[in-house]
Amino acid sequence: MVTGALLLNPNHEVTLAKIYRKYMKKVFIALIAFVFVYRFFDMIVAGEGVSLNGFMKGFVQFFTGTSWSPLWYLYMLIGLYALLPLYRRITQAATYKELQYGIIVGFIVLSLFPLTALFNIKLNFTIHIASIYPFYLFLGYALYNDIIKINKKTNIIIFIVSIVLIIGVVYYRWMHNVETFNLLLSYASPLNILLSASLFHFFKSIKPISIKGLHKALIALDQASFGIYLIHIIFVKYFLAILHYNPYKVPVLGFIGIVCLISILSWIISYVWNLCMHRYAK
């Protein structure tokens, strides 16, 4: 949604050269690098053993998308970047009403229609968009530019209701083993769409806070966030799979503690890496 808010803006110059040389290049390098970072972890730390076959498996995982789960986002992002010039043509040419119409149709067909499977009914009506993810691009752009307006009170209600419903769905799905409820937990679920939209709108509506050092702290977090996303899963696997840490032993403090520890460790590594790269670039 942030990508859509920024890169679908017609006033923001985004050329093909910029897409491939800047945005896509960064994602592609991170993708291939972390496929092999995760591969080395499996071979060395997880006890799989270092071998030529193990190394070659990394190449297979890179092309087939069968490495660790966080990398799904990078594959998806590359696909969005590839079609970004076409998406931008839509925001450049479409009126606000046309964009509203497109988002409504996308929500109904891509998010609501699939839910009929909960009742063993499969609708054959569709629109020819490969996935829900371009929808999120346009939703972010629409919310950021007030093409879709939500007042603060309504936004809070949407956020609370969607959170409560998601918790309820998760509990019911796992306690009663209702696999069809996975539809309500997917990225196309209306619950996740409403939650994402309300959270995005909340941060968008926050007024700038003039606290000394806060801007620098937020910039530092922003610069480290991509690295944190890629690194955190290594610590998750180390603590849970290698050390067999069980956060359920202390349900609240156990989860809060491990989340804070992993976040801090991931941030430190990402920050140090960015600092080294910055000095190397000089």
C-alpha atoms as a PDB file:
ATOM      1  CA  MET A   1       0.000   0.000   0.000  1.00  0.00           C
ATOM      2  CA  VAL A   2       2.894   2.352   0.732  1.00  0.00           C
ATOM      3  CA  THR A   3       4.416   1.380  -2.626  1.00  0.00           C
ATOM      4  CA  GLY A   4       1.149   2.249  -4.338  1.00  0.00           C
ATOM      5  CA  ALA A   5       0.816   5.570  -2.502  1.00  0.00           C
ATOM      6  CA  LEU A   6       4.303   6.622  -3.591  1.00  0.00           C
ATOM      7  CA  LEU A   7       4.967   5.035  -6.967  1.00  0.00           C
ATOM      8  CA  LEU A   8       1.500   5.339  -8.523  1.00  0.00           C
ATOM      9  CA  ASN A   9       1.602   9.097  -7.990  1.00  0.00           C
ATOM     10  CA  PRO A  10       1.537  10.641 -11.512  1.00  0.00           C
ATOM     11  CA  ASN A  11       3.676  13.542 -10.253  1.00  0.00           C
ATOM     12  CA  HIS A  12       6.421  11.151  -9.154  1.00  0.00           C
ATOM     13  CA  GLU A  13       8.748  10.395 -12.066  1.00  0.00           C
ATOM     14  CA  VAL A  14       9.230   6.638 -12.416  1.00  0.00           C
ATOM     15  CA  THR A  15      10.943   5.592 -15.638  1.00  0.00           C
ATOM     16  CA  LEU A  16      11.582   2.071 -16.869  1.00  0.00           C
ATOM     17  CA  ALA A  17      15.281   2.606 -16.238  1.00  0.00           C
ATOM     18  CA  LYS A  18      14.581   3.623 -12.644  1.00  0.00           C
ATOM     19  CA  ILE A  19      12.316   0.614 -12.083  1.00  0.00           C
ATOM     20  CA  TYR A  20      14.888  -1.886 -13.319  1.00  0.00           C
ATOM     21  CA  ARG A  21      18.114  -0.199 -12.217  1.00  0.00           C
ATOM     22  CA  LYS A  22      16.941   0.901  -8.769  1.00  0.00           C
ATOM     23  CA  TYR A  23      13.802  -0.781  -7.452  1.00  0.00           C
ATOM     24  CA  MET A  24      13.961  -4.178  -9.119  1.00  0.00           C
ATOM     25  CA  LYS A  25      17.760  -4.442  -8.877  1.00  0.00           C
ATOM     26  CA  LYS A  26      17.649  -3.956  -5.105  1.00  0.00           C
ATOM     27  CA  VAL A  27      14.961  -6.601  -4.648  1.00  0.00           C
ATOM     28  CA  PHE A  28      16.634  -9.062  -7.017  1.00  0.00           C
ATOM     29  CA  ILE A  29      20.005  -8.779  -5.246  1.00  0.00           C
ATOM     30  CA  ALA A  30      18.346  -9.244  -1.845  1.00  0.00           C
ATOM     31  CA  LEU A  31      16.435 -12.244  -3.158  1.00  0.00           C
ATOM     32  CA  ILE A  32      19.399 -14.174  -4.504  1.00  0.00           C
ATOM     33  CA  ALA A  33      21.600 -13.191  -1.534  1.00  0.00           C
ATOM     34  CA  PHE A  34      19.151 -14.410   1.095  1.00  0.00           C
ATOM     35  CA  VAL A  35      18.272 -17.585  -0.751  1.00  0.00           C
ATOM     36  CA  PHE A  36      21.890 -18.571  -0.117  1.00  0.00           C
ATOM     37  CA  VAL A  37      22.048 -17.065   3.383  1.00  0.00           C
ATOM     38  CA  TYR A  38      19.118 -19.297   4.345  1.00  0.00           C
ATOM     39  CA  ARG A  39      20.699 -22.210   2.471  1.00  0.00           C
ATOM     40  CA  PHE A  40      23.951 -21.865   4.454  1.00  0.00           C
ATOM     41  CA  PHE A  41      21.943 -21.740   7.678  1.00  0.00           C
ATOM     42  CA  ASP A  42      20.243 -25.020   6.791  1.00  0.00           C
ATOM     43  CA  MET A  43      23.539 -26.642   5.832  1.00  0.00           C
ATOM     44  CA  ILE A  44      25.676 -25.403   8.731  1.00  0.00           C
ATOM     45  CA  VAL A  45      23.456 -24.486  11.690  1.00  0.00           C
ATOM     46  CA  ALA A  46      20.495 -26.817  11.113  1.00  0.00           C
ATOM     47  CA  GLY A  47      22.834 -29.757  10.582  1.00  0.00           C
ATOM     48  CA  GLU A  48      21.975 -30.557   6.986  1.00  0.00           C
ATOM     49  CA  GLY A  49      25.671 -30.679   6.135  1.00  0.00           C
ATOM     50  CA  VAL A  50      27.732 -28.762   3.588  1.00  0.00           C
ATOM     51  CA  SER A  51      27.741 -30.379   0.167  1.00  0.00           C
ATOM     52  CA  LEU A  52      27.713 -29.524  -3.515  1.00  0.00           C
ATOM     53  CA  ASN A  53      24.150 -30.824  -3.769  1.00  0.00           C
ATOM     54  CA  GLY A  54      23.165 -28.578  -0.890  1.00  0.00           C
ATOM     55  CA  PHE A  55      24.693 -25.588  -2.650  1.00  0.00           C
ATOM     56  CA  MET A  56      23.003 -26.469  -5.953  1.00  0.00           C
ATOM     57  CA  LYS A  57      19.713 -26.765  -4.106  1.00  0.00           C
ATOM     58  CA  GLY A  58      19.994 -23.024  -3.524  1.00  0.00           C
ATOM     59  CA  PHE A  59      19.848 -22.360  -7.264  1.00  0.00           C
ATOM     60  CA  VAL A  60      16.768 -24.568  -7.560  1.00  0.00           C
ATOM     61  CA  GLN A  61      15.123 -22.760  -4.648  1.00  0.00           C
ATOM     62  CA  PHE A  62      15.909 -19.388  -6.203  1.00  0.00           C
ATOM     63  CA  PHE A  63      14.095 -20.191  -9.453  1.00  0.00           C
ATOM     64  CA  THR A  64      11.231 -22.193  -7.924  1.00  0.00           C
ATOM     65  CA  GLY A  65      10.533 -19.973  -4.918  1.00  0.00           C
ATOM     66  CA  THR A  66      10.932 -22.864  -2.456  1.00  0.00           C
ATOM     67  CA  SER A  67      13.326 -21.161  -0.034  1.00  0.00           C
ATOM     68  CA  TRP A  68      12.182 -19.783   3.324  1.00  0.00           C
ATOM     69  CA  SER A  69       8.735 -18.203   3.507  1.00  0.00           C
ATOM     70  CA  PRO A  70       9.599 -14.450   3.842  1.00  0.00           C
ATOM     71  CA  LEU A  71      11.001 -14.399   0.304  1.00  0.00           C
ATOM     72  CA  TRP A  72       7.511 -14.790  -1.192  1.00  0.00           C
ATOM     73  CA  TYR A  73       7.165 -11.016  -0.839  1.00  0.00           C
ATOM     74  CA  LEU A  74      10.212 -10.304  -2.990  1.00  0.00           C
ATOM     75  CA  TYR A  75       8.960 -12.515  -5.828  1.00  0.00           C
ATOM     76  CA  MET A  76       5.596 -10.767  -5.651  1.00  0.00           C
ATOM     77  CA  LEU A  77       7.222  -7.318  -5.562  1.00  0.00           C
ATOM     78  CA  ILE A  78       9.293  -8.036  -8.683  1.00  0.00           C
ATOM     79  CA  GLY A  79       6.082  -8.878 -10.524  1.00  0.00           C
ATOM     80  CA  LEU A  80       4.439  -5.640  -9.387  1.00  0.00           C
ATOM     81  CA  TYR A  81       7.463  -3.587 -10.416  1.00  0.00           C
ATOM     82  CA  ALA A  82       7.430  -5.214 -13.866  1.00  0.00           C
ATOM     83  CA  LEU A  83       3.867  -3.986 -14.472  1.00  0.00           C
ATOM     84  CA  LEU A  84       4.235  -0.685 -12.619  1.00  0.00           C
ATOM     85  CA  PRO A  85       4.333   1.424 -15.841  1.00  0.00           C
ATOM     86  CA  LEU A  86       0.917   0.033 -16.800  1.00  0.00           C
ATOM     87  CA  TYR A  87      -0.516   0.579 -13.327  1.00  0.00           C
ATOM     88  CA  ARG A  88       0.766   4.162 -13.428  1.00  0.00           C
ATOM     89  CA  ARG A  89      -1.005   4.780 -16.724  1.00  0.00           C
ATOM     90  CA  ILE A  90      -4.261   3.943 -14.964  1.00  0.00           C
ATOM     91  CA  THR A  91      -3.737   6.466 -12.164  1.00  0.00           C
ATOM     92  CA  GLN A  92      -2.587   9.081 -14.693  1.00  0.00           C
ATOM     93  CA  ALA A  93      -5.665   8.729 -16.890  1.00  0.00           C
ATOM     94  CA  ALA A  94      -8.461   7.601 -14.566  1.00  0.00           C
ATOM     95  CA  THR A  95     -10.812   9.970 -12.748  1.00  0.00           C
ATOM     96  CA  TYR A  96     -11.388   9.620  -9.009  1.00  0.00           C
ATOM     97  CA  LYS A  97     -14.760   7.964  -9.668  1.00  0.00           C
ATOM     98  CA  GLU A  98     -13.190   5.474 -12.052  1.00  0.00           C
ATOM     99  CA  LEU A  99     -10.534   4.584  -9.470  1.00  0.00           C
ATOM    100  CA  GLN A 100     -13.225   4.206  -6.795  1.00  0.00           C
ATOM    101  CA  TYR A 101     -15.188   1.968  -9.152  1.00  0.00           C
ATOM    102  CA  GLY A 102     -12.134  -0.195  -9.886  1.00  0.00           C
ATOM    103  CA  ILE A 103     -11.346  -0.640  -6.191  1.00  0.00           C
ATOM    104  CA  ILE A 104     -14.951  -1.579  -5.382  1.00  0.00           C
ATOM    105  CA  VAL A 105     -15.075  -4.141  -8.204  1.00  0.00           C
ATOM    106  CA  GLY A 106     -11.697  -5.538  -7.150  1.00  0.00           C
ATOM    107  CA  PHE A 107     -12.833  -5.873  -3.533  1.00  0.00           C
ATOM    108  CA  ILE A 108     -16.059  -7.633  -4.487  1.00  0.00           C
ATOM    109  CA  VAL A 109     -14.606 -10.051  -7.033  1.00  0.00           C
ATOM    110  CA  LEU A 110     -11.134 -10.697  -5.592  1.00  0.00           C
ATOM    111  CA  SER A 111     -12.030 -10.676  -1.898  1.00  0.00           C
ATOM    112  CA  LEU A 112     -15.740 -11.348  -1.351  1.00  0.00           C
ATOM    113  CA  PHE A 113     -16.550 -13.788  -4.163  1.00  0.00           C
ATOM    114  CA  PRO A 114     -13.939 -16.385  -3.056  1.00  0.00           C
ATOM    115  CA  LEU A 115     -15.637 -16.554   0.354  1.00  0.00           C
ATOM    116  CA  THR A 116     -18.545 -18.476  -1.182  1.00  0.00           C
ATOM    117  CA  ALA A 117     -16.222 -21.493  -0.889  1.00  0.00           C
ATOM    118  CA  LEU A 118     -17.042 -21.408   2.837  1.00  0.00           C
ATOM    119  CA  PHE A 119     -20.475 -22.686   1.804  1.00  0.00           C
ATOM    120  CA  ASN A 120     -19.098 -25.116  -0.816  1.00  0.00           C
ATOM    121  CA  ILE A 121     -20.155 -22.759  -3.602  1.00  0.00           C
ATOM    122  CA  LYS A 122     -17.687 -21.740  -6.307  1.00  0.00           C
ATOM    123  CA  LEU A 123     -18.551 -18.685  -8.364  1.00  0.00           C
ATOM    124  CA  ASN A 124     -17.267 -18.591 -11.913  1.00  0.00           C
ATOM    125  CA  PHE A 125     -17.306 -14.800 -12.183  1.00  0.00           C
ATOM    126  CA  THR A 126     -13.897 -13.201 -12.188  1.00  0.00           C
ATOM    127  CA  ILE A 127     -11.889 -10.232 -13.399  1.00  0.00           C
ATOM    128  CA  HIS A 128      -8.648 -10.824 -15.222  1.00  0.00           C
ATOM    129  CA  ILE A 129      -6.167  -9.718 -12.596  1.00  0.00           C
ATOM    130  CA  ALA A 130      -3.663 -12.358 -11.536  1.00  0.00           C
ATOM    131  CA  SER A 131      -3.857 -11.706  -7.781  1.00  0.00           C
ATOM    132  CA  ILE A 132      -5.009  -9.442  -4.965  1.00  0.00           C
ATOM    133  CA  TYR A 133      -1.694  -7.582  -4.742  1.00  0.00           C
ATOM    134  CA  PRO A 134      -2.258  -4.941  -7.464  1.00  0.00           C
ATOM    135  CA  PHE A 135      -5.500  -4.175  -5.598  1.00  0.00           C
ATOM    136  CA  TYR A 136      -3.447  -3.228  -2.529  1.00  0.00           C
ATOM    137  CA  LEU A 137      -1.318  -0.864  -4.663  1.00  0.00           C
ATOM    138  CA  PHE A 138      -4.379   1.038  -5.841  1.00  0.00           C
ATOM    139  CA  LEU A 139      -6.011   0.954  -2.405  1.00  0.00           C
ATOM    140  CA  GLY A 140      -2.914   2.556  -0.877  1.00  0.00           C
ATOM    141  CA  TYR A 141      -2.869   5.205  -3.599  1.00  0.00           C
ATOM    142  CA  ALA A 142      -6.603   5.905  -3.147  1.00  0.00           C
ATOM    143  CA  LEU A 143      -6.408   6.243   0.640  1.00  0.00           C
ATOM    144  CA  TYR A 144      -3.278   8.397   0.496  1.00  0.00           C
ATOM    145  CA  ASN A 145      -4.885  10.820  -1.957  1.00  0.00           C
ATOM    146  CA  ASP A 146      -8.329  10.827  -0.283  1.00  0.00           C
ATOM    147  CA  ILE A 147      -9.984   9.182  -3.271  1.00  0.00           C
ATOM    148  CA  ILE A 148     -11.476   6.936  -0.609  1.00  0.00           C
ATOM    149  CA  LYS A 149     -12.226   8.892   2.557  1.00  0.00           C
ATOM    150  CA  ILE A 150     -12.671   7.424   6.028  1.00  0.00           C
ATOM    151  CA  ASN A 151     -13.288   9.557   9.106  1.00  0.00           C
ATOM    152  CA  LYS A 152     -11.256   8.826  12.228  1.00  0.00           C
ATOM    153  CA  LYS A 153     -14.153   7.377  14.257  1.00  0.00           C
ATOM    154  CA  THR A 154     -15.146   4.965  11.488  1.00  0.00           C
ATOM    155  CA  ASN A 155     -11.518   4.024  10.954  1.00  0.00           C
ATOM    156  CA  ILE A 156     -11.092   3.099  14.637  1.00  0.00           C
ATOM    157  CA  ILE A 157     -14.257   0.991  14.516  1.00  0.00           C
ATOM    158  CA  ILE A 158     -13.053  -0.820  11.371  1.00  0.00           C
ATOM    159  CA  PHE A 159      -9.669  -1.500  12.997  1.00  0.00           C
ATOM    160  CA  ILE A 160     -11.124  -2.871  16.260  1.00  0.00           C
ATOM    161  CA  VAL A 161     -13.816  -4.983  14.568  1.00  0.00           C
ATOM    162  CA  SER A 162     -11.389  -6.498  12.052  1.00  0.00           C
ATOM    163  CA  ILE A 163      -8.857  -7.337  14.804  1.00  0.00           C
ATOM    164  CA  VAL A 164     -11.538  -8.989  16.961  1.00  0.00           C
ATOM    165  CA  LEU A 165     -12.913 -10.970  14.020  1.00  0.00           C
ATOM    166  CA  ILE A 166      -9.451 -12.148  12.955  1.00  0.00           C
ATOM    167  CA  ILE A 167      -8.702 -13.340  16.506  1.00  0.00           C
ATOM    168  CA  GLY A 168     -12.048 -15.142  16.558  1.00  0.00           C
ATOM    169  CA  VAL A 169     -11.443 -16.766  13.171  1.00  0.00           C
ATOM    170  CA  VAL A 170      -7.926 -17.902  14.167  1.00  0.00           C
ATOM    171  CA  TYR A 171      -9.235 -19.419  17.408  1.00  0.00           C
ATOM    172  CA  TYR A 172     -12.181 -21.181  15.771  1.00  0.00           C
ATOM    173  CA  ARG A 173     -10.113 -22.400  12.799  1.00  0.00           C
ATOM    174  CA  TRP A 174      -7.460 -24.090  14.964  1.00  0.00           C
ATOM    175  CA  MET A 175      -9.679 -25.272  17.802  1.00  0.00           C
ATOM    176  CA  HIS A 176     -12.151 -26.933  15.402  1.00  0.00           C
ATOM    177  CA  ASN A 177      -9.743 -27.622  12.501  1.00  0.00           C
ATOM    178  CA  VAL A 178     -11.919 -25.818   9.954  1.00  0.00           C
ATOM    179  CA  GLU A 179      -9.539 -25.498   6.992  1.00  0.00           C
ATOM    180  CA  THR A 180     -11.968 -23.473   4.885  1.00  0.00           C
ATOM    181  CA  PHE A 181     -11.531 -20.646   7.391  1.00  0.00           C
ATOM    182  CA  ASN A 182      -8.064 -20.137   5.909  1.00  0.00           C
ATOM    183  CA  LEU A 183      -9.903 -18.057   3.296  1.00  0.00           C
ATOM    184  CA  LEU A 184     -10.656 -15.522   6.019  1.00  0.00           C
ATOM    185  CA  LEU A 185      -6.970 -15.331   6.945  1.00  0.00           C
ATOM    186  CA  SER A 186      -5.485 -14.959   3.453  1.00  0.00           C
ATOM    187  CA  TYR A 187      -4.216 -11.674   2.012  1.00  0.00           C
ATOM    188  CA  ALA A 188      -7.377 -11.519  -0.085  1.00  0.00           C
ATOM    189  CA  SER A 189      -9.608 -11.805   2.987  1.00  0.00           C
ATOM    190  CA  PRO A 190     -11.867  -8.777   3.524  1.00  0.00           C
ATOM    191  CA  LEU A 191     -10.793  -8.873   7.186  1.00  0.00           C
ATOM    192  CA  ASN A 192      -7.126  -8.397   6.266  1.00  0.00           C
ATOM    193  CA  ILE A 193      -7.981  -5.779   3.663  1.00  0.00           C
ATOM    194  CA  LEU A 194     -10.020  -3.757   6.160  1.00  0.00           C
ATOM    195  CA  LEU A 195      -7.345  -4.138   8.843  1.00  0.00           C
ATOM    196  CA  SER A 196      -4.589  -3.058   6.426  1.00  0.00           C
ATOM    197  CA  ALA A 197      -6.631  -0.109   5.156  1.00  0.00           C
ATOM    198  CA  SER A 198      -7.499   1.122   8.655  1.00  0.00           C
ATOM    199  CA  LEU A 199      -3.901   0.810   9.879  1.00  0.00           C
ATOM    200  CA  PHE A 200      -2.579   2.572   6.763  1.00  0.00           C
ATOM    201  CA  HIS A 201      -5.144   5.363   7.199  1.00  0.00           C
ATOM    202  CA  PHE A 202      -4.253   5.701  10.896  1.00  0.00           C
ATOM    203  CA  PHE A 203      -0.571   6.336  10.179  1.00  0.00           C
ATOM    204  CA  LYS A 204      -1.435   8.635   7.281  1.00  0.00           C
ATOM    205  CA  SER A 205      -3.614  10.795   9.535  1.00  0.00           C
ATOM    206  CA  ILE A 206      -0.967  11.236  12.271  1.00  0.00           C
ATOM    207  CA  LYS A 207       0.226  14.818  12.412  1.00  0.00           C
ATOM    208  CA  PRO A 208       3.994  15.449  12.472  1.00  0.00           C
ATOM    209  CA  ILE A 209       5.372  15.369  16.014  1.00  0.00           C
ATOM    210  CA  SER A 210       8.243  17.735  16.682  1.00  0.00           C
ATOM    211  CA  ILE A 211      10.173  15.671  19.220  1.00  0.00           C
ATOM    212  CA  LYS A 212      13.935  16.074  19.192  1.00  0.00           C
ATOM    213  CA  GLY A 213      15.634  13.051  17.660  1.00  0.00           C
ATOM    214  CA  LEU A 214      12.366  11.341  16.649  1.00  0.00           C
ATOM    215  CA  HIS A 215      12.818  12.093  12.953  1.00  0.00           C
ATOM    216  CA  LYS A 216      16.335  10.627  12.952  1.00  0.00           C
ATOM    217  CA  ALA A 217      15.110   7.555  14.837  1.00  0.00           C
ATOM    218  CA  LEU A 218      12.312   6.979  12.326  1.00  0.00           C
ATOM    219  CA  ILE A 219      14.692   7.419   9.395  1.00  0.00           C
ATOM    220  CA  ALA A 220      17.102   4.903  10.964  1.00  0.00           C
ATOM    221  CA  LEU A 221      14.248   2.439  11.464  1.00  0.00           C
ATOM    222  CA  ASP A 222      13.075   2.984   7.895  1.00  0.00           C
ATOM    223  CA  GLN A 223      16.535   2.341   6.489  1.00  0.00           C
ATOM    224  CA  ALA A 224      16.874  -0.851   8.534  1.00  0.00           C
ATOM    225  CA  SER A 225      13.342  -2.194   8.008  1.00  0.00           C
ATOM    226  CA  PHE A 226      14.046  -4.148   4.807  1.00  0.00           C
ATOM    227  CA  GLY A 227      17.022  -5.830   6.453  1.00  0.00           C
ATOM    228  CA  ILE A 228      14.990  -6.587   9.586  1.00  0.00           C
ATOM    229  CA  TYR A 229      12.353  -8.268   7.435  1.00  0.00           C
ATOM    230  CA  LEU A 230      14.934 -10.526   5.788  1.00  0.00           C
ATOM    231  CA  ILE A 231      17.042 -11.233   8.890  1.00  0.00           C
ATOM    232  CA  HIS A 232      14.421 -11.804  11.591  1.00  0.00           C
ATOM    233  CA  ILE A 233      13.433 -15.274  10.318  1.00  0.00           C
ATOM    234  CA  ILE A 234      16.995 -16.514  10.932  1.00  0.00           C
ATOM    235  CA  PHE A 235      16.646 -15.766  14.645  1.00  0.00           C
ATOM    236  CA  VAL A 236      13.106 -17.159  14.678  1.00  0.00           C
ATOM    237  CA  LYS A 237      14.399 -20.469  13.310  1.00  0.00           C
ATOM    238  CA  TYR A 238      17.428 -20.454  15.599  1.00  0.00           C
ATOM    239  CA  PHE A 239      15.480 -19.912  18.818  1.00  0.00           C
ATOM    240  CA  LEU A 240      12.467 -22.078  17.951  1.00  0.00           C
ATOM    241  CA  ALA A 241      13.935 -24.869  15.806  1.00  0.00           C
ATOM    242  CA  ILE A 242      17.529 -25.127  17.071  1.00  0.00           C
ATOM    243  CA  LEU A 243      17.265 -24.058  20.719  1.00  0.00           C
ATOM    244  CA  HIS A 244      13.649 -25.319  20.983  1.00  0.00           C
ATOM    245  CA  TYR A 245      12.491 -22.202  22.818  1.00  0.00           C
ATOM    246  CA  ASN A 246       8.790 -22.503  23.632  1.00  0.00           C
ATOM    247  CA  PRO A 247       7.046 -19.115  24.052  1.00  0.00           C
ATOM    248  CA  TYR A 248       3.839 -20.913  25.077  1.00  0.00           C
ATOM    249  CA  LYS A 249       5.364 -21.714  28.472  1.00  0.00           C
ATOM    250  CA  VAL A 250       4.847 -18.069  29.412  1.00  0.00           C
ATOM    251  CA  PRO A 251       2.166 -17.053  26.860  1.00  0.00           C
ATOM    252  CA  VAL A 252       2.339 -13.256  27.181  1.00  0.00           C
ATOM    253  CA  LEU A 253       5.869 -12.524  28.408  1.00  0.00           C
ATOM    254  CA  GLY A 254       7.283 -15.391  26.357  1.00  0.00           C
ATOM    255  CA  PHE A 255       5.979 -13.954  23.096  1.00  0.00           C
ATOM    256  CA  ILE A 256       6.716 -10.335  23.947  1.00  0.00           C
ATOM    257  CA  GLY A 257      10.228 -11.226  25.086  1.00  0.00           C
ATOM    258  CA  ILE A 258      11.161 -13.236  21.991  1.00  0.00           C
ATOM    259  CA  VAL A 259       9.629 -10.646  19.629  1.00  0.00           C
ATOM    260  CA  CYS A 260      11.578  -7.813  21.289  1.00  0.00           C
ATOM    261  CA  LEU A 261      14.823  -9.792  21.351  1.00  0.00           C
ATOM    262  CA  ILE A 262      14.571 -10.871  17.704  1.00  0.00           C
ATOM    263  CA  SER A 263      13.594  -7.348  16.609  1.00  0.00           C
ATOM    264  CA  ILE A 264      16.574  -5.786  18.398  1.00  0.00           C
ATOM    265  CA  LEU A 265      19.071  -8.364  17.096  1.00  0.00           C
ATOM    266  CA  SER A 266      17.742  -8.017  13.543  1.00  0.00           C
ATOM    267  CA  TRP A 267      17.856  -4.226  13.751  1.00  0.00           C
ATOM    268  CA  ILE A 268      21.459  -4.226  15.006  1.00  0.00           C
ATOM    269  CA  ILE A 269      22.658  -6.449  12.153  1.00  0.00           C
ATOM    270  CA  SER A 270      20.695  -4.463   9.557  1.00  0.00           C
ATOM    271  CA  TYR A 271      21.964  -1.148  10.945  1.00  0.00           C
ATOM    272  CA  VAL A 272      25.604  -2.287  10.982  1.00  0.00           C
ATOM    273  CA  TRP A 273      25.275  -3.659   7.444  1.00  0.00           C
ATOM    274  CA  ASN A 274      23.792  -0.395   6.141  1.00  0.00           C
ATOM    275  CA  LEU A 275      26.518   1.574   7.916  1.00  0.00           C
ATOM    276  CA  CYS A 276      29.268  -0.556   6.336  1.00  0.00           C
ATOM    277  CA  MET A 277      27.683  -0.266   2.881  1.00  0.00           C
ATOM    278  CA  HIS A 278      27.381   3.499   3.269  1.00  0.00           C
ATOM    279  CA  ARG A 279      31.054   3.861   4.176  1.00  0.00           C
ATOM    280  CA  TYR A 280      32.058   1.477   1.370  1.00  0.00           C
ATOM    281  CA  ALA A 281      30.091   3.565  -1.136  1.00  0.00           C
ATOM    282  CA  LYS A 282      32.048   6.640  -0.085  1.00  0.00           C
END
